[in-house]
Each structure stands twice: as C-alpha cells, then as structure tokens.
C-alpha cells in the first residue's frame, strides 16, 4: 500500500472515531497512535530518499526512537 494511502486510511479512522469516542477510549488511542506512526514513517522515508541527513543525524534519530523517551 502506498504511504499516502496509509496516512489517509489512518486519518479517516481517527476522524470517524473522534465523533463518538472519548479521548481515553482504547480504540481511539490506538488509532491516533497508528496515525502518528504512519506520518512519521512517511516523513522518514521522504527525508531518507532526499538524502538530507548525515550518518550522525540518522544515528541520533534512531537512538531517540530506540530509547522511547522524549527530550
């Protein structure tokens, strides 16, 4: 599936769930998480394809994701 299609699919699911579910609903939380991951994956792929990051920058970003912590 094309990356843009993935993002649109997740956006539509979040929009649909937002009409009837509270923010704390597990299914709504999971849908928002899936959308965030799809957006991040799309942006990472676009950035890597453009060759905009140095090896040090890629390693830094990889360690951020691996740690699971925000700075």
Protein backbone atom coordinates (compact mmCIF):
# COMPACT_ATOMS: atom_id res chain seq x y z
CA UNK A 1 0.00 0.00 0.00
CA UNK A 2 1.31 3.45 -0.88
CA UNK A 3 2.44 5.51 2.13
CA UNK A 4 -0.02 8.35 1.41
CA UNK A 5 -2.86 5.84 1.28
CA UNK A 6 -1.80 4.53 4.69
CA UNK A 7 -1.87 8.03 6.15
CA UNK A 8 -5.28 8.79 4.63
CA UNK A 9 -6.68 5.49 5.94
CA UNK A 10 -5.47 6.21 9.47
CA UNK A 11 -6.68 9.82 9.31
CA UNK A 12 -10.13 8.67 8.28
CA UNK A 13 -10.25 6.17 11.15
CA UNK A 14 -9.24 8.80 13.70
CA UNK A 15 -11.83 11.21 12.30
CA UNK A 16 -14.58 8.60 12.44
CA UNK A 17 -13.74 7.53 15.99
CA UNK A 18 -13.43 11.13 17.20
CA UNK A 19 -17.13 11.68 16.56
CA UNK A 20 -18.32 9.13 19.08
CA UNK A 21 -15.45 8.17 21.38
CA UNK A 22 -13.84 9.94 24.30
CA UNK A 23 -10.12 10.74 24.03
CA UNK A 24 -9.34 7.96 26.51
CA UNK A 25 -11.12 5.22 24.55
CA UNK A 26 -8.54 2.44 23.87
CA UNK A 27 -9.56 2.04 20.23
CA UNK A 28 -9.33 5.81 19.65
CA UNK A 29 -5.94 5.96 21.40
CA UNK A 30 -4.67 3.09 19.23
CA UNK A 31 -5.97 4.76 16.05
CA UNK A 32 -4.18 8.02 16.94
CA UNK A 33 -1.01 6.07 17.64
CA UNK A 34 -1.25 4.28 14.29
CA UNK A 35 -1.72 7.64 12.53
CA UNK A 36 1.32 9.11 14.29
CA UNK A 37 3.42 6.11 13.26
CA UNK A 38 2.22 6.31 9.64
CA UNK A 39 3.01 10.03 9.46
CA UNK A 40 6.44 9.51 10.97
CA UNK A 41 7.22 6.62 8.63
CA UNK A 42 6.17 8.67 5.61
CA UNK A 43 8.29 11.63 6.68
CA UNK A 44 11.31 9.45 7.44
CA UNK A 45 11.09 7.75 4.06
CA UNK A 46 10.78 11.07 2.23
CA UNK A 47 13.73 12.54 4.13
CA UNK A 48 15.93 9.50 3.55
CA UNK A 49 15.04 9.43 -0.14
CA UNK A 50 16.08 13.07 -0.44
CA UNK A 51 19.44 12.30 1.18
CA UNK A 52 19.14 15.19 3.62
CA UNK A 53 20.54 13.57 6.77
CA UNK A 54 24.11 12.80 7.75
CA UNK A 55 25.02 9.47 9.33
CA UNK A 56 25.33 11.18 12.73
CA UNK A 57 21.85 12.67 12.37
CA UNK A 58 20.36 9.30 11.38
CA UNK A 59 22.06 7.62 14.34
CA UNK A 60 20.79 10.32 16.71
CA UNK A 61 17.22 9.91 15.49
CA UNK A 62 17.47 6.12 15.67
CA UNK A 63 18.66 6.33 19.29
CA UNK A 64 15.76 8.66 20.11
CA UNK A 65 13.26 6.16 18.77
CA UNK A 66 15.02 3.22 20.44
CA UNK A 67 15.04 4.91 23.84
CA UNK A 68 11.31 5.64 23.77
CA UNK A 69 11.91 8.86 25.68
CA UNK A 70 11.23 12.45 24.71
CA UNK A 71 13.96 15.04 25.23
